[in-house]
Amino acid sequence: MAVESSACILCRRLSRDDKKGLCLRGNYICPACEARIISLTRNDPDYDIYISGLKKIWAGFSA
């Protein structure tokens, strides 16, 4: 599936390298956000923000 935009759906930064990052349901997630998601714990203050963004992707809305 092709990425619709080269801007990260979570942080809105533009992609510098199309070969890095994730494509999730046509939405791009940059390597920095990917690494942040992997390292999050439930007690992290950013946890709910990232979960909300991912839920929007799965529901089919832009974050």
PDB file of N, CA and C in Angstrom:
ATOM      1  N   MET A   1       0.854  -1.184   0.000  1.00  0.00           N
ATOM      2  CA  MET A   1       0.000   0.000   0.000  1.00  0.00           C
ATOM      3  C   MET A   1       0.891   1.235   0.000  1.00  0.00           C
ATOM      4  N   ALA A   2       0.599   2.186  -0.816  1.00  0.00           N
ATOM      5  CA  ALA A   2       1.372   3.416  -0.918  1.00  0.00           C
ATOM      6  C   ALA A   2       1.002   4.369   0.213  1.00  0.00           C
ATOM      7  N   VAL A   3       1.992   5.108   0.655  1.00  0.00           N
ATOM      8  CA  VAL A   3       1.767   6.125   1.677  1.00  0.00           C
ATOM      9  C   VAL A   3       1.155   7.336   1.006  1.00  0.00           C
ATOM     10  N   GLU A   4       0.070   7.852   1.575  1.00  0.00           N
ATOM     11  CA  GLU A   4      -0.635   8.986   0.987  1.00  0.00           C
ATOM     12  C   GLU A   4       0.129  10.292   1.156  1.00  0.00           C
ATOM     13  N   SER A   5       0.884  10.411   2.235  1.00  0.00           N
ATOM     14  CA  SER A   5       1.626  11.631   2.512  1.00  0.00           C
ATOM     15  C   SER A   5       2.960  11.253   3.116  1.00  0.00           C
ATOM     16  N   SER A   6       3.988  12.080   2.892  1.00  0.00           N
ATOM     17  CA  SER A   6       5.289  11.805   3.488  1.00  0.00           C
ATOM     18  C   SER A   6       5.441  12.488   4.839  1.00  0.00           C
ATOM     19  N   ALA A   7       4.361  13.070   5.363  1.00  0.00           N
ATOM     20  CA  ALA A   7       4.381  13.675   6.687  1.00  0.00           C
ATOM     21  C   ALA A   7       3.896  12.647   7.704  1.00  0.00           C
ATOM     22  N   CYS A   8       4.583  12.565   8.832  1.00  0.00           N
ATOM     23  CA  CYS A   8       4.197  11.635   9.892  1.00  0.00           C
ATOM     24  C   CYS A   8       2.801  11.989  10.400  1.00  0.00           C
ATOM     25  N   ILE A   9       1.946  10.990  10.507  1.00  0.00           N
ATOM     26  CA  ILE A   9       0.566  11.202  10.943  1.00  0.00           C
ATOM     27  C   ILE A   9       0.502  11.601  12.423  1.00  0.00           C
ATOM     28  N   LEU A  10       1.548  11.287  13.188  1.00  0.00           N
ATOM     29  CA  LEU A  10       1.529  11.595  14.615  1.00  0.00           C
ATOM     30  C   LEU A  10       2.190  12.935  14.957  1.00  0.00           C
ATOM     31  N   CYS A  11       3.369  13.199  14.376  1.00  0.00           N
ATOM     32  CA  CYS A  11       4.091  14.432  14.729  1.00  0.00           C
ATOM     33  C   CYS A  11       4.109  15.468  13.615  1.00  0.00           C
ATOM     34  N   ARG A  12       3.653  15.083  12.414  1.00  0.00           N
ATOM     35  CA  ARG A  12       3.560  15.964  11.238  1.00  0.00           C
ATOM     36  C   ARG A  12       4.905  16.345  10.621  1.00  0.00           C
ATOM     37  N   ARG A  13       6.014  15.733  11.080  1.00  0.00           N
ATOM     38  CA  ARG A  13       7.309  15.994  10.452  1.00  0.00           C
ATOM     39  C   ARG A  13       7.355  15.320   9.089  1.00  0.00           C
ATOM     40  N   LEU A  14       8.037  15.962   8.146  1.00  0.00           N
ATOM     41  CA  LEU A  14       8.170  15.400   6.805  1.00  0.00           C
ATOM     42  C   LEU A  14       9.237  14.314   6.796  1.00  0.00           C
ATOM     43  N   SER A  15       9.022  13.315   5.967  1.00  0.00           N
ATOM     44  CA  SER A  15       9.964  12.214   5.819  1.00  0.00           C
ATOM     45  C   SER A  15      11.201  12.682   5.079  1.00  0.00           C
ATOM     46  N   ARG A  16      12.359  12.274   5.571  1.00  0.00           N
ATOM     47  CA  ARG A  16      13.605  12.576   4.872  1.00  0.00           C
ATOM     48  C   ARG A  16      14.058  11.378   4.058  1.00  0.00           C
ATOM     49  N   ASP A  17      13.541  10.206   4.408  1.00  0.00           N
ATOM     50  CA  ASP A  17      13.926   8.976   3.724  1.00  0.00           C
ATOM     51  C   ASP A  17      12.700   8.088   3.628  1.00  0.00           C
ATOM     52  N   ASP A  18      12.206   7.893   2.418  1.00  0.00           N
ATOM     53  CA  ASP A  18      10.987   7.108   2.218  1.00  0.00           C
ATOM     54  C   ASP A  18      11.130   5.650   2.626  1.00  0.00           C
ATOM     55  N   LYS A  19      12.364   5.176   2.786  1.00  0.00           N
ATOM     56  CA  LYS A  19      12.574   3.775   3.125  1.00  0.00           C
ATOM     57  C   LYS A  19      12.559   3.523   4.622  1.00  0.00           C
ATOM     58  N   LYS A  20      12.449   4.558   5.436  1.00  0.00           N
ATOM     59  CA  LYS A  20      12.439   4.389   6.888  1.00  0.00           C
ATOM     60  C   LYS A  20      11.083   4.799   7.432  1.00  0.00           C
ATOM     61  N   GLY A  21      10.708   4.196   8.541  1.00  0.00           N
ATOM     62  CA  GLY A  21       9.416   4.495   9.142  1.00  0.00           C
ATOM     63  C   GLY A  21       8.416   3.406   8.815  1.00  0.00           C
ATOM     64  N   LEU A  22       7.185   3.608   9.234  1.00  0.00           N
ATOM     65  CA  LEU A  22       6.115   2.636   9.042  1.00  0.00           C
ATOM     66  C   LEU A  22       5.020   3.187   8.156  1.00  0.00           C
ATOM     67  N   CYS A  23       4.372   2.304   7.454  1.00  0.00           N
ATOM     68  CA  CYS A  23       3.171   2.646   6.713  1.00  0.00           C
ATOM     69  C   CYS A  23       2.044   1.830   7.334  1.00  0.00           C
ATOM     70  N   LEU A  24       1.091   2.508   7.917  1.00  0.00           N
ATOM     71  CA  LEU A  24      -0.014   1.854   8.612  1.00  0.00           C
ATOM     72  C   LEU A  24      -1.314   2.355   8.012  1.00  0.00           C
ATOM     73  N   ARG A  25      -2.007   1.482   7.295  1.00  0.00           N
ATOM     74  CA  ARG A  25      -3.267   1.833   6.641  1.00  0.00           C
ATOM     75  C   ARG A  25      -3.135   3.086   5.777  1.00  0.00           C
ATOM     76  N   GLY A  26      -2.012   3.200   5.071  1.00  0.00           N
ATOM     77  CA  GLY A  26      -1.785   4.334   4.182  1.00  0.00           C
ATOM     78  C   GLY A  26      -1.273   5.579   4.881  1.00  0.00           C
ATOM     79  N   ASN A  27      -0.968   5.481   6.158  1.00  0.00           N
ATOM     80  CA  ASN A  27      -0.462   6.610   6.928  1.00  0.00           C
ATOM     81  C   ASN A  27       0.988   6.353   7.307  1.00  0.00           C
ATOM     82  N   TYR A  28       1.830   7.375   7.171  1.00  0.00           N
ATOM     83  CA  TYR A  28       3.246   7.268   7.475  1.00  0.00           C
ATOM     84  C   TYR A  28       3.491   7.596   8.949  1.00  0.00           C
ATOM     85  N   ILE A  29       4.332   6.774   9.602  1.00  0.00           N
ATOM     86  CA  ILE A  29       4.804   7.038  10.962  1.00  0.00           C
ATOM     87  C   ILE A  29       6.320   7.101  10.884  1.00  0.00           C
ATOM     88  N   CYS A  30       6.900   8.222  11.284  1.00  0.00           N
ATOM     89  CA  CYS A  30       8.342   8.439  11.162  1.00  0.00           C
ATOM     90  C   CYS A  30       9.110   7.536  12.134  1.00  0.00           C
ATOM     91  N   PRO A  31      10.415   7.336  11.876  1.00  0.00           N
ATOM     92  CA  PRO A  31      11.225   6.496  12.753  1.00  0.00           C
ATOM     93  C   PRO A  31      11.270   6.991  14.198  1.00  0.00           C
ATOM     94  N   ALA A  32      11.241   8.306  14.400  1.00  0.00           N
ATOM     95  CA  ALA A  32      11.269   8.842  15.765  1.00  0.00           C
ATOM     96  C   ALA A  32       9.995   8.468  16.534  1.00  0.00           C
ATOM     97  N   CYS A  33       8.843   8.591  15.889  1.00  0.00           N
ATOM     98  CA  CYS A  33       7.583   8.211  16.555  1.00  0.00           C
ATOM     99  C   CYS A  33       7.503   6.704  16.730  1.00  0.00           C
ATOM    100  N   GLU A  34       8.004   5.955  15.757  1.00  0.00           N
ATOM    101  CA  GLU A  34       8.028   4.496  15.874  1.00  0.00           C
ATOM    102  C   GLU A  34       8.850   4.082  17.102  1.00  0.00           C
ATOM    103  N   ALA A  35      10.029   4.676  17.255  1.00  0.00           N
ATOM    104  CA  ALA A  35      10.885   4.370  18.406  1.00  0.00           C
ATOM    105  C   ALA A  35      10.216   4.787  19.713  1.00  0.00           C
ATOM    106  N   ARG A  36       9.547   5.924  19.691  1.00  0.00           N
ATOM    107  CA  ARG A  36       8.862   6.416  20.899  1.00  0.00           C
ATOM    108  C   ARG A  36       7.737   5.471  21.294  1.00  0.00           C
ATOM    109  N   ILE A  37       6.965   4.996  20.336  1.00  0.00           N
ATOM    110  CA  ILE A  37       5.865   4.073  20.614  1.00  0.00           C
ATOM    111  C   ILE A  37       6.409   2.786  21.230  1.00  0.00           C
ATOM    112  N   ILE A  38       7.492   2.289  20.681  1.00  0.00           N
ATOM    113  CA  ILE A  38       8.082   1.051  21.183  1.00  0.00           C
ATOM    114  C   ILE A  38       8.558   1.202  22.624  1.00  0.00           C
ATOM    115  N   SER A  39       9.064   2.372  22.972  1.00  0.00           N
ATOM    116  CA  SER A  39       9.620   2.574  24.308  1.00  0.00           C
ATOM    117  C   SER A  39       8.604   3.042  25.352  1.00  0.00           C
ATOM    118  N   LEU A  40       7.384   3.343  24.952  1.00  0.00           N
ATOM    119  CA  LEU A  40       6.381   3.849  25.892  1.00  0.00           C
ATOM    120  C   LEU A  40       5.986   2.805  26.935  1.00  0.00           C
ATOM    121  N   THR A  41       5.754   3.282  28.132  1.00  0.00           N
ATOM    122  CA  THR A  41       5.150   2.453  29.174  1.00  0.00           C
ATOM    123  C   THR A  41       3.807   3.088  29.534  1.00  0.00           C
ATOM    124  N   ARG A  42       2.975   2.344  30.168  1.00  0.00           N
ATOM    125  CA  ARG A  42       1.635   2.842  30.528  1.00  0.00           C
ATOM    126  C   ARG A  42       1.703   4.084  31.414  1.00  0.00           C
ATOM    127  N   ASN A  43       2.748   4.221  32.197  1.00  0.00           N
ATOM    128  CA  ASN A  43       2.888   5.363  33.109  1.00  0.00           C
ATOM    129  C   ASN A  43       3.499   6.596  32.446  1.00  0.00           C
ATOM    130  N   ASP A  44       3.898   6.477  31.202  1.00  0.00           N
ATOM    131  CA  ASP A  44       4.510   7.590  30.478  1.00  0.00           C
ATOM    132  C   ASP A  44       3.457   8.656  30.187  1.00  0.00           C
ATOM    133  N   PRO A  45       3.792   9.940  30.379  1.00  0.00           N
ATOM    134  CA  PRO A  45       2.817  11.008  30.115  1.00  0.00           C
ATOM    135  C   PRO A  45       2.347  11.077  28.662  1.00  0.00           C
ATOM    136  N   ASP A  46       3.164  10.625  27.717  1.00  0.00           N
ATOM    137  CA  ASP A  46       2.797  10.662  26.298  1.00  0.00           C
ATOM    138  C   ASP A  46       2.003   9.441  25.844  1.00  0.00           C
ATOM    139  N   TYR A  47       1.838   8.458  26.695  1.00  0.00           N
ATOM    140  CA  TYR A  47       1.180   7.204  26.321  1.00  0.00           C
ATOM    141  C   TYR A  47      -0.198   7.444  25.714  1.00  0.00           C
ATOM    142  N   ASP A  48      -1.036   8.197  26.386  1.00  0.00           N
ATOM    143  CA  ASP A  48      -2.409   8.428  25.907  1.00  0.00           C
ATOM    144  C   ASP A  48      -2.438   9.207  24.590  1.00  0.00           C
ATOM    145  N   ILE A  49      -1.480  10.089  24.387  1.00  0.00           N
ATOM    146  CA  ILE A  49      -1.406  10.862  23.147  1.00  0.00           C
ATOM    147  C   ILE A  49      -1.121   9.938  21.971  1.00  0.00           C
ATOM    148  N   TYR A  50      -0.138   9.065  22.124  1.00  0.00           N
ATOM    149  CA  TYR A  50       0.207   8.145  21.042  1.00  0.00           C
ATOM    150  C   TYR A  50      -0.886   7.111  20.812  1.00  0.00           C
ATOM    151  N   ILE A  51      -1.481   6.611  21.870  1.00  0.00           N
ATOM    152  CA  ILE A  51      -2.575   5.647  21.724  1.00  0.00           C
ATOM    153  C   ILE A  51      -3.748   6.281  20.981  1.00  0.00           C
ATOM    154  N   SER A  52      -4.062   7.523  21.305  1.00  0.00           N
ATOM    155  CA  SER A  52      -5.143   8.229  20.629  1.00  0.00           C
ATOM    156  C   SER A  52      -4.850   8.378  19.136  1.00  0.00           C
ATOM    157  N   GLY A  53      -3.605   8.724  18.801  1.00  0.00           N
ATOM    158  CA  GLY A  53      -3.219   8.850  17.400  1.00  0.00           C
ATOM    159  C   GLY A  53      -3.320   7.529  16.659  1.00  0.00           C
ATOM    160  N   LEU A  54      -2.894   6.447  17.290  1.00  0.00           N
ATOM    161  CA  LEU A  54      -2.977   5.129  16.664  1.00  0.00           C
ATOM    162  C   LEU A  54      -4.419   4.672  16.496  1.00  0.00           C
ATOM    163  N   LYS A  55      -5.259   4.982  17.457  1.00  0.00           N
ATOM    164  CA  LYS A  55      -6.684   4.633  17.343  1.00  0.00           C
ATOM    165  C   LYS A  55      -7.335   5.338  16.150  1.00  0.00           C
ATOM    166  N   LYS A  56      -6.952   6.597  15.932  1.00  0.00           N
ATOM    167  CA  LYS A  56      -7.490   7.336  14.795  1.00  0.00           C
ATOM    168  C   LYS A  56      -7.069   6.706  13.472  1.00  0.00           C
ATOM    169  N   ILE A  57      -5.843   6.208  13.417  1.00  0.00           N
ATOM    170  CA  ILE A  57      -5.366   5.538  12.210  1.00  0.00           C
ATOM    171  C   ILE A  57      -6.192   4.283  11.970  1.00  0.00           C
ATOM    172  N   TRP A  58      -6.385   3.464  12.980  1.00  0.00           N
ATOM    173  CA  TRP A  58      -7.137   2.216  12.836  1.00  0.00           C
ATOM    174  C   TRP A  58      -8.597   2.491  12.505  1.00  0.00           C
ATOM    175  N   ALA A  59      -9.150   3.607  13.006  1.00  0.00           N
ATOM    176  CA  ALA A  59     -10.546   3.935  12.735  1.00  0.00           C
ATOM    177  C   ALA A  59     -10.729   4.542  11.340  1.00  0.00           C
ATOM    178  N   GLY A  60      -9.624   4.945  10.691  1.00  0.00           N
ATOM    179  CA  GLY A  60      -9.710   5.492   9.347  1.00  0.00           C
ATOM    180  C   GLY A  60      -9.764   6.998   9.278  1.00  0.00           C
ATOM    181  N   PHE A  61      -9.460   7.683  10.365  1.00  0.00           N
ATOM    182  CA  PHE A  61      -9.452   9.150  10.380  1.00  0.00           C
ATOM    183  C   PHE A  61      -8.015   9.604  10.459  1.00  0.00           C
ATOM    184  N   SER A  62      -7.722  10.840   9.970  1.00  0.00           N
ATOM    185  CA  SER A  62      -6.373  11.346  10.159  1.00  0.00           C
ATOM    186  C   SER A  62      -6.219  11.919  11.544  1.00  0.00           C
ATOM    187  N   ALA A  63      -5.047  11.718  12.093  1.00  0.00           N
ATOM    188  CA  ALA A  63      -4.756  12.161  13.457  1.00  0.00           C
ATOM    189  C   ALA A  63      -4.467  13.633  13.505  1.00  0.00           C
TER     190      ALA A  63
END
